[in-house]
Structures are given as C-alpha cells and as structure tokens.
Amino acid sequence: MTEQQKKVILRLRKHGLSYADISNITGISVSTIKAHFYRHKQLDAIRCKLCGKIVPQGDSIREKHFCDSRCYGRWWRSQAERPRTVYEKECAFCGKPFKAVSKKQQKYCSRA
C-alpha cells in the first residue's frame, strides 16, 4: 500500500466510512484495510461511548471504549433505565413461575 493510499483510507475513515465502503471506493481489499488499522491503532480513533472524546489505546489487544472510569460508570448507570424484555417462565426444576429479565434461555428460577 502506497503512502497516498494510506492517506486516502485514513481520511475516509475519519469521515465515518466503514471498511467495506473504503474498500469499494479505493479498490483495496477489506482485509488489507482492516490489517492496516489494526497495526496502526492510533489512526483508527475510537471515541468514548459517553462523551465522544478520543480514547487513547494502549498496547493491549482489548480495545478501550471509555476515556475514564467516570464515563464508564455514568454510561453503566444509564443502561439500567433502558427498557428490558421480561419473559414469564416456569422453573424446570421446581415448577414455580418466575420472570426472566432479558434472558430468553433462562430455565431455572434461582441457583438453588
């Protein structure tokens, strides 16, 4: 990949285009584009899910999605207000009716 191609894919990614869209525009394969951004993590900036700041990525394999623990905590608490699906189920062990919140596959009313 030439330096000019690298600049083009970086500019397109900053405009919010997906890897597939960039591939269609440039003619470079999707896997090559993904590999480039994987090797150069600082180029593919991840923004904080709460405040939108750019999240600096360390050397770990895991991507960080929040700029700090305060943003993570505020985001986590905001998820509690999100509507949840409630399933009326019958326990496979004791036969008692129970409510499974957001877990369609739950079979038992408790660990006991």
Protein backbone atom coordinates (compact mmCIF):
# COMPACT_ATOMS: atom_id res chain seq x y z
CA MET A 1 0.00 0.00 0.00
CA THR A 2 1.42 3.37 -1.01
CA GLU A 3 1.63 6.40 1.24
CA GLN A 4 -1.01 8.16 -0.86
CA GLN A 5 -3.41 5.21 -0.42
CA LYS A 6 -2.78 5.25 3.34
CA LYS A 7 -3.67 8.94 3.49
CA VAL A 8 -6.84 8.37 1.47
CA ILE A 9 -8.11 5.49 3.65
CA LEU A 10 -7.30 7.46 6.79
CA ARG A 11 -9.24 10.48 5.52
CA LEU A 12 -12.21 8.30 4.53
CA ARG A 13 -12.23 6.56 7.91
CA LYS A 14 -12.20 9.92 9.72
CA HIS A 15 -15.31 10.83 7.73
CA GLY A 16 -17.02 7.81 9.30
CA LEU A 17 -16.96 5.35 6.41
CA SER A 18 -16.85 1.62 7.13
CA TYR A 19 -14.04 -0.65 5.97
CA ALA A 20 -16.32 -2.06 3.23
CA ASP A 21 -17.17 1.43 1.95
CA ILE A 22 -13.49 2.38 1.88
CA SER A 23 -12.73 -0.84 0.01
CA ASN A 24 -15.38 -0.08 -2.62
CA ILE A 25 -14.04 3.44 -3.16
CA THR A 26 -10.31 2.64 -3.23
CA GLY A 27 -10.30 -0.87 -4.70
CA ILE A 28 -8.15 -2.14 -1.82
CA SER A 29 -9.39 -5.35 -0.17
CA VAL A 30 -11.28 -5.09 3.11
CA SER A 31 -8.79 -7.38 4.87
CA THR A 32 -5.87 -5.14 3.85
CA ILE A 33 -7.66 -2.07 5.21
CA LYS A 34 -8.53 -3.86 8.47
CA ALA A 35 -4.94 -5.05 8.86
CA HIS A 36 -3.61 -1.52 8.30
CA PHE A 37 -5.85 -0.05 11.00
CA TYR A 38 -5.11 -2.97 13.35
CA ARG A 39 -1.36 -2.32 13.04
CA HIS A 40 -1.84 1.43 13.44
CA LYS A 41 -4.46 1.65 16.20
CA GLN A 42 -3.84 5.35 16.82
CA LEU A 43 -5.04 6.09 13.28
CA ASP A 44 -8.46 4.49 13.77
CA ALA A 45 -9.59 6.63 16.68
CA ILE A 46 -12.21 5.16 18.99
CA ARG A 47 -14.44 7.70 20.65
CA CYS A 48 -15.80 7.43 24.19
CA LYS A 49 -19.33 5.96 24.16
CA LEU A 50 -20.49 8.63 26.60
CA CYS A 51 -18.68 11.91 26.00
CA GLY A 52 -17.23 11.41 22.50
CA LYS A 53 -13.58 12.18 23.35
CA ILE A 54 -10.91 10.16 21.54
CA VAL A 55 -9.90 7.20 23.71
CA PRO A 56 -6.15 6.55 23.72
CA GLN A 57 -5.46 2.87 23.08
CA GLY A 58 -2.67 1.12 24.93
CA ASP A 59 -0.64 -1.89 23.82
CA SER A 60 -3.23 -4.40 24.98
CA ILE A 61 -5.25 -6.41 22.48
CA ARG A 62 -8.53 -5.29 24.06
CA GLU A 63 -9.97 -2.02 22.81
CA LYS A 64 -10.96 0.63 25.33
CA HIS A 65 -14.38 2.19 24.77
CA PHE A 66 -14.39 4.85 27.50
CA CYS A 67 -11.97 7.69 28.23
CA ASP A 68 -12.00 7.08 32.01
CA SER A 69 -13.78 5.19 34.78
CA ARG A 70 -16.18 8.07 35.47
CA CYS A 71 -17.57 7.95 31.92
CA TYR A 72 -17.83 4.17 32.15
CA GLY A 73 -19.74 4.41 35.45
CA ARG A 74 -22.13 7.04 34.15
CA TRP A 75 -22.77 5.00 30.98
CA TRP A 76 -23.35 1.81 33.01
CA ARG A 77 -25.85 3.53 35.32
CA SER A 78 -27.70 4.95 32.31
CA GLN A 79 -28.20 1.41 30.97
CA ALA A 80 -30.33 0.50 33.99
CA GLU A 81 -33.05 2.85 32.70
CA ARG A 82 -33.16 1.09 29.33
CA PRO A 83 -36.35 -0.94 28.72
CA ARG A 84 -35.85 -4.68 29.23
CA THR A 85 -37.78 -7.63 27.89
CA VAL A 86 -39.47 -9.70 30.60
CA TYR A 87 -40.26 -13.36 29.94
CA GLU A 88 -42.80 -15.26 32.03
CA LYS A 89 -41.28 -18.73 32.55
CA GLU A 90 -41.77 -21.85 34.65
CA CYS A 91 -38.79 -23.28 36.53
CA ALA A 92 -37.58 -26.58 35.01
CA PHE A 93 -36.67 -27.91 38.47
CA CYS A 94 -39.35 -26.79 40.95
CA GLY A 95 -42.16 -25.77 38.58
CA LYS A 96 -42.69 -22.31 40.13
CA PRO A 97 -43.43 -19.40 37.79
CA PHE A 98 -40.73 -16.72 37.57
CA LYS A 99 -39.77 -13.72 35.44
CA ALA A 100 -36.61 -13.84 33.33
CA VAL A 101 -35.38 -10.34 32.51
CA SER A 102 -33.71 -10.14 29.05
CA LYS A 103 -32.75 -13.85 29.22
CA LYS A 104 -34.94 -15.92 26.94
CA GLN A 105 -32.88 -19.08 27.54
CA GLN A 106 -33.09 -18.98 31.37
CA LYS A 107 -34.55 -22.28 32.70
CA TYR A 108 -34.37 -22.02 36.48
CA CYS A 109 -35.80 -19.53 38.98
CA SER A 110 -32.58 -19.46 41.08
CA ARG A 111 -29.23 -21.18 41.55
CA ALA A 112 -30.67 -23.25 44.42
